[in-house]
Amino acid sequence: MSLILITGMPGVGKTTIMRHVGTELQRRAIAFDGFYTEELRSLSGERSGFDIVTFDGKRAPLARTSDAIRNAPAKNRVGKYTVCVAEFESVALPALAIRSTANLLLLDEIGKMELKSRPFEDRLQQIVDAVAAPPGGGLKFVATVPLKASLNIVERLKRTPGVQLFHVTVSNRDKIKQDILEAVLKMI
């Protein structure tokens, strides 16, 4: 098994679980690459966008409320957000490079915003191909995916032989966090 997918409703704790897994891997000096998303809020508490943050501390805007970004192409919009494609790619693509020094990738998340980037989608296809390769291919992949959105790349990942799927809910998120960490440690 070289693929773990984590799903659940928005706000249920998927990112918190990925950050926990990343922290535990760092504590154990296990090499990995990837990033997580972080919600941004205005002083009034309203969500104003998202950043991506690599596990080694690099940060870039993923999306901002559309009114905060003037003259952005409509094709880069998801709901009230405008995806900052170039900034996202500058951090996300290097964080998901397939290389021999870190054969484990953590990705929070594969969603509509991230898929506004064609190079990101291409990189995901490479990852899926590497994960689906015959045993011994070496690449291990852990990702959060939306529960309800129907995205081709997510559906392909779900059909990968040996995939382990964890469904996070409010009632199971504390226990499942440890189950996911244990599954990741067994995988590497």
N, C-alpha and C. Protein backbone atom coordinates (compact mmCIF):
# COMPACT_ATOMS: atom_id res chain seq x y z
N MET A 1 0.84 -1.17 0.00
CA MET A 1 0.00 0.00 0.00
C MET A 1 0.89 1.24 0.00
N SER A 2 0.63 2.13 -0.95
CA SER A 2 1.45 3.34 -1.04
C SER A 2 0.61 4.59 -1.16
N LEU A 3 -0.69 4.50 -0.87
CA LEU A 3 -1.57 5.64 -1.02
C LEU A 3 -2.59 5.68 0.12
N ILE A 4 -2.66 6.85 0.77
CA ILE A 4 -3.65 7.09 1.81
C ILE A 4 -4.39 8.37 1.43
N LEU A 5 -5.72 8.29 1.40
CA LEU A 5 -6.56 9.46 1.15
C LEU A 5 -7.38 9.73 2.40
N ILE A 6 -7.49 11.02 2.72
CA ILE A 6 -8.24 11.47 3.89
C ILE A 6 -9.35 12.38 3.37
N THR A 7 -10.58 12.07 3.72
CA THR A 7 -11.72 12.86 3.25
C THR A 7 -12.62 13.22 4.41
N GLY A 8 -13.50 14.15 4.16
CA GLY A 8 -14.46 14.60 5.17
C GLY A 8 -14.99 15.96 4.77
N MET A 9 -15.99 16.41 5.48
CA MET A 9 -16.61 17.70 5.20
C MET A 9 -15.61 18.83 5.49
N PRO A 10 -15.80 19.99 4.85
CA PRO A 10 -14.94 21.14 5.15
C PRO A 10 -15.02 21.50 6.64
N GLY A 11 -13.87 21.82 7.22
CA GLY A 11 -13.80 22.24 8.61
C GLY A 11 -13.81 21.13 9.63
N VAL A 12 -13.77 19.88 9.19
CA VAL A 12 -13.87 18.75 10.12
C VAL A 12 -12.52 18.43 10.80
N GLY A 13 -11.41 18.88 10.21
CA GLY A 13 -10.11 18.63 10.85
C GLY A 13 -9.10 17.92 9.97
N LYS A 14 -9.32 17.84 8.67
CA LYS A 14 -8.38 17.15 7.78
C LYS A 14 -7.00 17.82 7.79
N THR A 15 -6.98 19.13 7.72
CA THR A 15 -5.71 19.85 7.72
C THR A 15 -5.00 19.67 9.05
N THR A 16 -5.72 19.72 10.14
CA THR A 16 -5.12 19.50 11.46
C THR A 16 -4.47 18.13 11.53
N ILE A 17 -5.11 17.13 10.96
CA ILE A 17 -4.55 15.78 10.94
C ILE A 17 -3.27 15.76 10.09
N MET A 18 -3.30 16.39 8.92
CA MET A 18 -2.10 16.41 8.08
C MET A 18 -0.95 17.13 8.77
N ARG A 19 -1.24 18.21 9.44
CA ARG A 19 -0.18 18.92 10.18
C ARG A 19 0.38 18.05 11.29
N HIS A 20 -0.49 17.31 11.96
CA HIS A 20 -0.05 16.38 13.02
C HIS A 20 0.87 15.30 12.44
N VAL A 21 0.46 14.73 11.32
CA VAL A 21 1.28 13.69 10.68
C VAL A 21 2.64 14.29 10.30
N GLY A 22 2.64 15.48 9.69
CA GLY A 22 3.89 16.12 9.31
C GLY A 22 4.79 16.39 10.51
N THR A 23 4.22 16.88 11.59
CA THR A 23 5.00 17.15 12.81
C THR A 23 5.61 15.87 13.36
N GLU A 24 4.82 14.80 13.38
CA GLU A 24 5.33 13.52 13.89
C GLU A 24 6.45 12.96 12.99
N LEU A 25 6.29 13.09 11.69
CA LEU A 25 7.35 12.61 10.79
C LEU A 25 8.63 13.43 10.99
N GLN A 26 8.50 14.74 11.13
CA GLN A 26 9.67 15.59 11.39
C GLN A 26 10.33 15.20 12.71
N ARG A 27 9.53 14.97 13.73
CA ARG A 27 10.06 14.58 15.05
C ARG A 27 10.85 13.28 14.96
N ARG A 28 10.44 12.40 14.08
CA ARG A 28 11.12 11.10 13.91
C ARG A 28 12.21 11.15 12.84
N ALA A 29 12.46 12.34 12.30
CA ALA A 29 13.50 12.57 11.27
C ALA A 29 13.24 11.73 10.02
N ILE A 30 11.98 11.60 9.64
CA ILE A 30 11.60 10.89 8.42
C ILE A 30 11.45 11.92 7.30
N ALA A 31 12.16 11.72 6.20
CA ALA A 31 12.14 12.66 5.08
C ALA A 31 10.81 12.59 4.34
N PHE A 32 10.25 13.76 4.05
CA PHE A 32 9.03 13.85 3.25
C PHE A 32 8.94 15.26 2.70
N ASP A 33 8.09 15.44 1.70
CA ASP A 33 7.83 16.75 1.12
C ASP A 33 6.32 16.95 1.07
N GLY A 34 5.92 18.19 0.78
CA GLY A 34 4.51 18.47 0.61
C GLY A 34 4.12 19.78 1.25
N PHE A 35 2.80 19.99 1.32
CA PHE A 35 2.29 21.22 1.90
C PHE A 35 0.89 21.02 2.45
N TYR A 36 0.46 22.01 3.24
CA TYR A 36 -0.90 22.04 3.75
C TYR A 36 -1.49 23.42 3.46
N THR A 37 -2.80 23.51 3.54
CA THR A 37 -3.47 24.79 3.33
C THR A 37 -3.80 25.41 4.68
N GLU A 38 -3.77 26.73 4.70
CA GLU A 38 -4.08 27.44 5.93
C GLU A 38 -5.09 28.54 5.62
N GLU A 39 -6.14 28.56 6.37
CA GLU A 39 -7.21 29.54 6.20
C GLU A 39 -6.75 30.89 6.75
N LEU A 40 -7.12 31.97 6.05
CA LEU A 40 -6.83 33.32 6.51
C LEU A 40 -8.14 33.99 6.90
N ARG A 41 -8.12 34.77 7.96
CA ARG A 41 -9.32 35.46 8.41
C ARG A 41 -9.00 36.94 8.60
N SER A 42 -9.98 37.77 8.30
CA SER A 42 -9.84 39.21 8.51
C SER A 42 -9.98 39.50 10.00
N LEU A 43 -9.74 40.75 10.39
CA LEU A 43 -9.87 41.14 11.79
C LEU A 43 -11.29 40.92 12.32
N SER A 44 -12.26 40.98 11.41
CA SER A 44 -13.65 40.75 11.83
C SER A 44 -13.99 39.27 11.93
N GLY A 45 -13.05 38.41 11.56
CA GLY A 45 -13.26 36.97 11.66
C GLY A 45 -13.76 36.32 10.39
N GLU A 46 -14.00 37.11 9.36
CA GLU A 46 -14.49 36.56 8.09
C GLU A 46 -13.32 35.95 7.32
N ARG A 47 -13.56 34.78 6.69
CA ARG A 47 -12.51 34.13 5.90
C ARG A 47 -12.18 35.03 4.71
N SER A 48 -10.88 35.30 4.53
CA SER A 48 -10.44 36.18 3.44
C SER A 48 -9.59 35.47 2.40
N GLY A 49 -9.26 34.22 2.66
CA GLY A 49 -8.47 33.48 1.68
C GLY A 49 -7.78 32.28 2.29
N PHE A 50 -6.83 31.75 1.51
CA PHE A 50 -6.06 30.58 1.92
C PHE A 50 -4.62 30.76 1.48
N ASP A 51 -3.70 30.25 2.27
CA ASP A 51 -2.29 30.14 1.89
C ASP A 51 -1.95 28.67 1.82
N ILE A 52 -0.88 28.37 1.08
CA ILE A 52 -0.29 27.04 1.22
C ILE A 52 1.01 27.24 1.97
N VAL A 53 1.34 26.25 2.79
CA VAL A 53 2.54 26.30 3.61
C VAL A 53 3.23 24.96 3.48
N THR A 54 4.50 24.98 3.08
CA THR A 54 5.24 23.73 2.99
C THR A 54 5.64 23.30 4.40
N PHE A 55 5.94 22.04 4.54
CA PHE A 55 6.31 21.53 5.85
C PHE A 55 7.69 22.03 6.28
N ASP A 56 8.43 22.64 5.35
CA ASP A 56 9.70 23.26 5.74
C ASP A 56 9.58 24.78 5.84
N GLY A 57 8.33 25.31 5.83
CA GLY A 57 8.10 26.70 6.16
C GLY A 57 7.91 27.70 5.04
N LYS A 58 7.97 27.29 3.79
CA LYS A 58 7.71 28.24 2.69
C LYS A 58 6.20 28.49 2.62
N ARG A 59 5.84 29.69 2.23
CA ARG A 59 4.42 30.08 2.23
C ARG A 59 4.12 30.86 0.95
N ALA A 60 2.90 30.68 0.43
CA ALA A 60 2.44 31.44 -0.73
C ALA A 60 0.93 31.54 -0.69
N PRO A 61 0.38 32.60 -1.29
CA PRO A 61 -1.08 32.69 -1.38
C PRO A 61 -1.63 31.60 -2.28
N LEU A 62 -2.70 30.99 -1.87
CA LEU A 62 -3.44 30.07 -2.73
C LEU A 62 -4.64 30.80 -3.33
N ALA A 63 -5.39 31.51 -2.48
CA ALA A 63 -6.57 32.22 -2.96
C ALA A 63 -6.90 33.36 -2.01
N ARG A 64 -7.56 34.35 -2.57
CA ARG A 64 -8.04 35.49 -1.80
C ARG A 64 -9.46 35.78 -2.25
N THR A 65 -10.22 36.45 -1.40
CA THR A 65 -11.56 36.84 -1.84
C THR A 65 -11.41 37.64 -3.12
N SER A 66 -12.34 37.42 -4.04
CA SER A 66 -12.24 38.02 -5.37
C SER A 66 -12.15 39.54 -5.34
N ASP A 67 -12.82 40.18 -4.38
CA ASP A 67 -12.76 41.63 -4.35
C ASP A 67 -11.41 42.15 -3.88
N ALA A 68 -10.58 41.29 -3.30
CA ALA A 68 -9.24 41.69 -2.86
C ALA A 68 -8.24 41.66 -4.02
N ILE A 69 -8.59 41.00 -5.11
CA ILE A 69 -7.69 40.88 -6.26
C ILE A 69 -8.39 41.49 -7.46
N ARG A 70 -7.94 42.61 -7.87
CA ARG A 70 -8.54 43.32 -9.01
C ARG A 70 -7.98 42.77 -10.33
N ASN A 71 -8.78 42.76 -11.34
CA ASN A 71 -8.38 42.38 -12.70
C ASN A 71 -7.90 40.94 -12.84
N ALA A 72 -8.31 40.06 -11.95
CA ALA A 72 -7.93 38.65 -12.08
C ALA A 72 -8.85 37.99 -13.10
N PRO A 73 -8.33 37.07 -13.89
CA PRO A 73 -9.18 36.40 -14.88
C PRO A 73 -10.29 35.59 -14.21
N ALA A 74 -11.46 35.62 -14.81
CA ALA A 74 -12.61 34.89 -14.27
C ALA A 74 -12.33 33.39 -14.18
N LYS A 75 -11.50 32.88 -15.08
CA LYS A 75 -11.20 31.44 -15.07
C LYS A 75 -10.48 31.00 -13.79
N ASN A 76 -9.92 31.95 -13.04
CA ASN A 76 -9.21 31.62 -11.81
C ASN A 76 -10.10 31.72 -10.58
N ARG A 77 -11.39 31.86 -10.77
CA ARG A 77 -12.30 32.02 -9.64
C ARG A 77 -12.94 30.69 -9.22
N VAL A 78 -13.09 30.55 -7.91
CA VAL A 78 -13.83 29.44 -7.31
C VAL A 78 -14.71 30.08 -6.24
N GLY A 79 -15.98 30.15 -6.52
CA GLY A 79 -16.89 30.83 -5.60
C GLY A 79 -16.48 32.28 -5.43
N LYS A 80 -16.36 32.72 -4.19
CA LYS A 80 -15.98 34.11 -3.94
C LYS A 80 -14.47 34.33 -3.94
N TYR A 81 -13.71 33.29 -4.26
CA TYR A 81 -12.25 33.37 -4.20
C TYR A 81 -11.63 33.42 -5.59
N THR A 82 -10.51 34.12 -5.66
CA THR A 82 -9.68 34.12 -6.86
C THR A 82 -8.40 33.36 -6.51
N VAL A 83 -8.07 32.36 -7.31
CA VAL A 83 -6.87 31.56 -7.08
C VAL A 83 -5.66 32.34 -7.59
N CYS A 84 -4.64 32.42 -6.77
CA CYS A 84 -3.38 33.09 -7.09
C CYS A 84 -2.47 32.05 -7.74
N VAL A 85 -2.74 31.72 -8.98
CA VAL A 85 -2.13 30.58 -9.64
C VAL A 85 -0.60 30.65 -9.65
N ALA A 86 -0.03 31.74 -10.12
CA ALA A 86 1.43 31.83 -10.23
C ALA A 86 2.10 31.69 -8.86
N GLU A 87 1.57 32.36 -7.85
CA GLU A 87 2.15 32.28 -6.51
C GLU A 87 2.04 30.86 -5.95
N PHE A 88 0.88 30.27 -6.14
CA PHE A 88 0.65 28.89 -5.70
C PHE A 88 1.66 27.95 -6.35
N GLU A 89 1.80 28.04 -7.67
CA GLU A 89 2.72 27.15 -8.39
C GLU A 89 4.16 27.32 -7.94
N SER A 90 4.55 28.54 -7.60
CA SER A 90 5.95 28.80 -7.23
C SER A 90 6.36 28.03 -5.98
N VAL A 91 5.40 27.69 -5.13
CA VAL A 91 5.71 26.95 -3.91
C VAL A 91 5.23 25.50 -4.01
N ALA A 92 4.06 25.29 -4.58
CA ALA A 92 3.47 23.94 -4.61
C ALA A 92 4.25 22.97 -5.48
N LEU A 93 4.65 23.40 -6.66
CA LEU A 93 5.31 22.46 -7.58
C LEU A 93 6.64 21.96 -7.03
N PRO A 94 7.53 22.82 -6.51
CA PRO A 94 8.76 22.29 -5.91
C PRO A 94 8.49 21.39 -4.70
N ALA A 95 7.43 21.68 -3.94
CA ALA A 95 7.11 20.89 -2.75
C ALA A 95 6.62 19.49 -3.11
N LEU A 96 6.20 19.30 -4.36
CA LEU A 96 5.70 17.99 -4.79
C LEU A 96 6.61 17.35 -5.84
N ALA A 97 7.85 17.72 -5.85
CA ALA A 97 8.79 17.11 -6.78
C ALA A 97 8.98 15.64 -6.41
N ILE A 98 8.99 14.80 -7.40
CA ILE A 98 9.22 13.38 -7.16
C ILE A 98 10.73 13.17 -7.22
N ARG A 99 11.31 12.87 -6.06
CA ARG A 99 12.77 12.69 -6.00
C ARG A 99 13.10 11.56 -5.05
N SER A 100 14.28 11.05 -5.18
CA SER A 100 14.64 9.87 -4.41
C SER A 100 14.96 10.18 -2.95
N THR A 101 15.29 11.43 -2.62
CA THR A 101 15.65 11.73 -1.23
C THR A 101 14.44 11.73 -0.30
N ALA A 102 13.27 11.97 -0.82
CA ALA A 102 12.05 11.92 0.00
C ALA A 102 11.00 11.20 -0.83
N ASN A 103 10.78 9.93 -0.53
CA ASN A 103 9.82 9.17 -1.32
C ASN A 103 8.43 9.18 -0.70
N LEU A 104 8.19 10.19 0.15
CA LEU A 104 6.88 10.35 0.78
C LEU A 104 6.42 11.78 0.53
N LEU A 105 5.20 11.91 0.00
CA LEU A 105 4.60 13.22 -0.24
C LEU A 105 3.32 13.35 0.57
N LEU A 106 3.16 14.49 1.26
CA LEU A 106 1.93 14.82 1.97
C LEU A 106 1.30 16.02 1.27
N LEU A 107 0.03 15.92 0.94
CA LEU A 107 -0.64 17.01 0.23
C LEU A 107 -2.00 17.29 0.82
N ASP A 108 -2.15 18.50 1.33
CA ASP A 108 -3.44 18.98 1.83
C ASP A 108 -3.77 20.24 1.03
N GLU A 109 -4.48 20.21 0.05
CA GLU A 109 -5.43 19.22 -0.40
C GLU A 109 -5.50 19.21 -1.91
N ILE A 110 -6.23 18.24 -2.45
CA ILE A 110 -6.50 18.21 -3.89
C ILE A 110 -7.94 18.70 -4.04
N GLY A 111 -8.10 19.95 -4.45
CA GLY A 111 -9.42 20.53 -4.57
C GLY A 111 -9.54 21.42 -5.79
N LYS A 112 -10.69 22.04 -5.93
CA LYS A 112 -10.97 22.87 -7.11
C LYS A 112 -10.00 24.04 -7.23
N MET A 113 -9.62 24.64 -6.12
CA MET A 113 -8.70 25.77 -6.20
C MET A 113 -7.34 25.34 -6.73
N GLU A 114 -6.80 24.28 -6.16
CA GLU A 114 -5.49 23.80 -6.57
C GLU A 114 -5.49 23.37 -8.04
N LEU A 115 -6.60 22.81 -8.48
CA LEU A 115 -6.68 22.30 -9.85
C LEU A 115 -6.89 23.40 -10.89
N LYS A 116 -6.92 24.66 -10.48
CA LYS A 116 -6.91 25.77 -11.43
C LYS A 116 -5.54 25.88 -12.11
N SER A 117 -4.55 25.22 -11.54
CA SER A 117 -3.20 25.21 -12.09
C SER A 117 -3.00 23.97 -12.94
N ARG A 118 -2.81 24.16 -14.23
CA ARG A 118 -2.56 23.02 -15.13
C ARG A 118 -1.24 22.31 -14.79
N PRO A 119 -0.14 23.04 -14.52
CA PRO A 119 1.10 22.34 -14.13
C PRO A 119 0.93 21.52 -12.84
N PHE A 120 0.11 22.01 -11.91
CA PHE A 120 -0.15 21.25 -10.68
C PHE A 120 -0.91 19.97 -11.01
N GLU A 121 -1.91 20.08 -11.87
CA GLU A 121 -2.67 18.90 -12.27
C GLU A 121 -1.76 17.90 -12.98
N ASP A 122 -0.86 18.39 -13.84
CA ASP A 122 0.11 17.52 -14.51
C ASP A 122 1.01 16.82 -13.49
N ARG A 123 1.46 17.56 -12.48
CA ARG A 123 2.30 16.96 -11.44
C ARG A 123 1.53 15.88 -10.70
N LEU A 124 0.26 16.12 -10.41
CA LEU A 124 -0.57 15.10 -9.76
C LEU A 124 -0.68 13.85 -10.61
N GLN A 125 -0.82 14.03 -11.92
CA GLN A 125 -0.87 12.86 -12.82
C GLN A 125 0.41 12.05 -12.71
N GLN A 126 1.56 12.73 -12.63
CA GLN A 126 2.84 12.03 -12.47
C GLN A 126 2.87 11.28 -11.14
N ILE A 127 2.36 11.91 -10.10
CA ILE A 127 2.32 11.26 -8.78
C ILE A 127 1.42 10.03 -8.82
N VAL A 128 0.24 10.17 -9.41
CA VAL A 128 -0.70 9.04 -9.52
C VAL A 128 -0.04 7.90 -10.29
N ASP A 129 0.63 8.21 -11.39
CA ASP A 129 1.31 7.17 -12.17
C ASP A 129 2.39 6.48 -11.33
N ALA A 130 3.15 7.27 -10.55
CA ALA A 130 4.22 6.70 -9.72
C ALA A 130 3.66 5.84 -8.59
N VAL A 131 2.56 6.28 -8.01
CA VAL A 131 1.94 5.51 -6.92
C VAL A 131 1.31 4.23 -7.45
N ALA A 132 0.73 4.31 -8.65
CA ALA A 132 0.05 3.15 -9.23
C ALA A 132 1.01 2.17 -9.88
N ALA A 133 2.30 2.53 -9.96
CA ALA A 133 3.30 1.64 -10.57
C ALA A 133 3.37 0.34 -9.76
N PRO A 134 3.93 -0.71 -10.37
CA PRO A 134 4.06 -1.98 -9.64
C PRO A 134 4.77 -1.79 -8.31
N PRO A 135 4.51 -2.66 -7.35
CA PRO A 135 5.15 -2.55 -6.04
C PRO A 135 6.67 -2.38 -6.19
N GLY A 136 7.21 -1.62 -5.27
CA GLY A 136 8.64 -1.36 -5.34
C GLY A 136 8.95 -0.06 -6.04
N GLY A 137 7.91 0.61 -6.59
CA GLY A 137 8.11 1.90 -7.24
C GLY A 137 8.64 2.94 -6.28
N GLY A 138 8.30 2.80 -5.03
CA GLY A 138 8.90 3.62 -4.01
C GLY A 138 8.12 4.83 -3.55
N LEU A 139 7.30 5.45 -4.38
CA LEU A 139 6.63 6.68 -3.97
C LEU A 139 5.42 6.36 -3.09
N LYS A 140 5.36 7.06 -1.96
CA LYS A 140 4.24 6.96 -1.03
C LYS A 140 3.55 8.32 -1.01
N PHE A 141 2.22 8.32 -0.96
CA PHE A 141 1.46 9.55 -1.10
C PHE A 141 0.30 9.57 -0.12
N VAL A 142 0.19 10.68 0.62
CA VAL A 142 -0.91 10.90 1.55
C VAL A 142 -1.54 12.22 1.17
N ALA A 143 -2.86 12.23 0.93
CA ALA A 143 -3.52 13.45 0.49
C ALA A 143 -4.90 13.57 1.10
N THR A 144 -5.32 14.83 1.29
CA THR A 144 -6.71 15.08 1.65
C THR A 144 -7.47 15.40 0.38
N VAL A 145 -8.69 14.92 0.32
CA VAL A 145 -9.53 15.12 -0.87
C VAL A 145 -10.94 15.51 -0.41
N PRO A 146 -11.65 16.28 -1.26
CA PRO A 146 -13.01 16.67 -0.88
C PRO A 146 -13.94 15.46 -0.81
N LEU A 147 -14.90 15.55 0.08
CA LEU A 147 -15.86 14.46 0.24
C LEU A 147 -16.86 14.44 -0.91
N LYS A 148 -17.34 15.59 -1.34
CA LYS A 148 -18.43 15.62 -2.30
C LYS A 148 -18.07 16.04 -3.70
N ALA A 149 -17.01 16.79 -3.88
CA ALA A 149 -16.66 17.25 -5.24
C ALA A 149 -16.25 16.06 -6.09
N SER A 150 -16.69 16.05 -7.32
CA SER A 150 -16.31 14.99 -8.25
C SER A 150 -15.21 15.52 -9.16
N LEU A 151 -13.98 15.17 -8.83
CA LEU A 151 -12.81 15.61 -9.59
C LEU A 151 -12.14 14.38 -10.20
N ASN A 152 -11.84 14.42 -11.48
CA ASN A 152 -11.29 13.25 -12.17
C ASN A 152 -10.06 12.67 -11.48
N ILE A 153 -9.11 13.54 -11.10
CA ILE A 153 -7.88 13.05 -10.49
C ILE A 153 -8.16 12.37 -9.14
N VAL A 154 -9.11 12.90 -8.39
CA VAL A 154 -9.48 12.30 -7.10
C VAL A 154 -10.14 10.94 -7.33
N GLU A 155 -11.02 10.87 -8.31
CA GLU A 155 -11.67 9.59 -8.61
C GLU A 155 -10.64 8.55 -9.04
N ARG A 156 -9.65 8.97 -9.82
CA ARG A 156 -8.58 8.04 -10.23
C ARG A 156 -7.80 7.55 -9.02
N LEU A 157 -7.48 8.46 -8.10
CA LEU A 157 -6.76 8.05 -6.89
C LEU A 157 -7.58 7.07 -6.07
N LYS A 158 -8.88 7.31 -5.95
CA LYS A 158 -9.74 6.42 -5.17
C LYS A 158 -9.79 5.01 -5.77
N ARG A 159 -9.58 4.91 -7.08
CA ARG A 159 -9.62 3.59 -7.76
C ARG A 159 -8.25 2.90 -7.76
N THR A 160 -7.24 3.53 -7.23
CA THR A 160 -5.90 2.94 -7.21
C THR A 160 -5.91 1.69 -6.33
N PRO A 161 -5.41 0.57 -6.84
CA PRO A 161 -5.37 -0.64 -6.02
C PRO A 161 -4.59 -0.41 -4.72
N GLY A 162 -5.16 -0.87 -3.62
CA GLY A 162 -4.50 -0.76 -2.33
C GLY A 162 -4.68 0.56 -1.61
N VAL A 163 -5.45 1.47 -2.19
CA VAL A 163 -5.67 2.76 -1.53
C VAL A 163 -6.33 2.54 -0.18
N GLN A 164 -5.91 3.32 0.80
CA GLN A 164 -6.54 3.29 2.11
C GLN A 164 -7.26 4.62 2.28
N LEU A 165 -8.58 4.59 2.49
CA LEU A 165 -9.40 5.80 2.58
C LEU A 165 -9.89 5.98 4.02
N PHE A 166 -9.62 7.16 4.58
CA PHE A 166 -10.08 7.50 5.92
C PHE A 166 -11.10 8.62 5.81
N HIS A 167 -12.27 8.42 6.42
CA HIS A 167 -13.33 9.42 6.41
C HIS A 167 -13.38 10.07 7.79
N VAL A 168 -12.99 11.34 7.86
CA VAL A 168 -12.93 12.07 9.12
C VAL A 168 -14.29 12.71 9.40
N THR A 169 -14.76 12.54 10.63
CA THR A 169 -15.98 13.19 11.09
C THR A 169 -15.67 13.89 12.42
N VAL A 170 -16.59 14.72 12.87
CA VAL A 170 -16.40 15.40 14.15
C VAL A 170 -16.27 14.37 15.27
N SER A 171 -17.05 13.29 15.20
CA SER A 171 -17.03 12.31 16.29
C SER A 171 -15.82 11.38 16.27
N ASN A 172 -15.14 11.22 15.12
CA ASN A 172 -14.01 10.28 15.09
C ASN A 172 -12.66 10.96 14.90
N ARG A 173 -12.61 12.28 14.74
CA ARG A 173 -11.36 12.93 14.32
C ARG A 173 -10.22 12.79 15.31
N ASP A 174 -10.50 12.72 16.60
CA ASP A 174 -9.41 12.57 17.56
C ASP A 174 -8.78 11.17 17.48
N LYS A 175 -9.61 10.16 17.37
CA LYS A 175 -9.08 8.79 17.28
C LYS A 175 -8.47 8.52 15.91
N ILE A 176 -9.11 8.98 14.86
CA ILE A 176 -8.65 8.68 13.50
C ILE A 176 -7.30 9.34 13.22
N LYS A 177 -7.00 10.43 13.92
CA LYS A 177 -5.70 11.09 13.75
C LYS A 177 -4.57 10.10 14.03
N GLN A 178 -4.70 9.34 15.12
CA GLN A 178 -3.66 8.36 15.46
C GLN A 178 -3.68 7.18 14.49
N ASP A 179 -4.87 6.76 14.05
CA ASP A 179 -4.97 5.67 13.07
C ASP A 179 -4.27 6.05 11.77
N ILE A 180 -4.45 7.28 11.33
CA ILE A 180 -3.82 7.73 10.09
C ILE A 180 -2.31 7.79 10.26
N LEU A 181 -1.84 8.33 11.37
CA LEU A 181 -0.39 8.36 11.62
C LEU A 181 0.19 6.94 11.59
N GLU A 182 -0.46 6.00 12.26
CA GLU A 182 0.02 4.62 12.26
C GLU A 182 0.04 4.04 10.85
N ALA A 183 -0.99 4.33 10.05
CA ALA A 183 -1.02 3.83 8.67
C ALA A 183 0.12 4.42 7.85
N VAL A 184 0.42 5.70 8.05
CA VAL A 184 1.54 6.33 7.33
C VAL A 184 2.85 5.68 7.74
N LEU A 185 3.04 5.47 9.03
CA LEU A 185 4.29 4.87 9.51
C LEU A 185 4.47 3.44 8.99
N LYS A 186 3.38 2.68 8.87
CA LYS A 186 3.46 1.32 8.31
C LYS A 186 3.80 1.36 6.83
N MET A 187 3.36 2.41 6.16
CA MET A 187 3.54 2.51 4.71
C MET A 187 4.99 2.81 4.34
N ILE A 188 5.72 3.48 5.22
CA ILE A 188 7.08 3.90 4.86
C ILE A 188 8.15 2.93 5.28
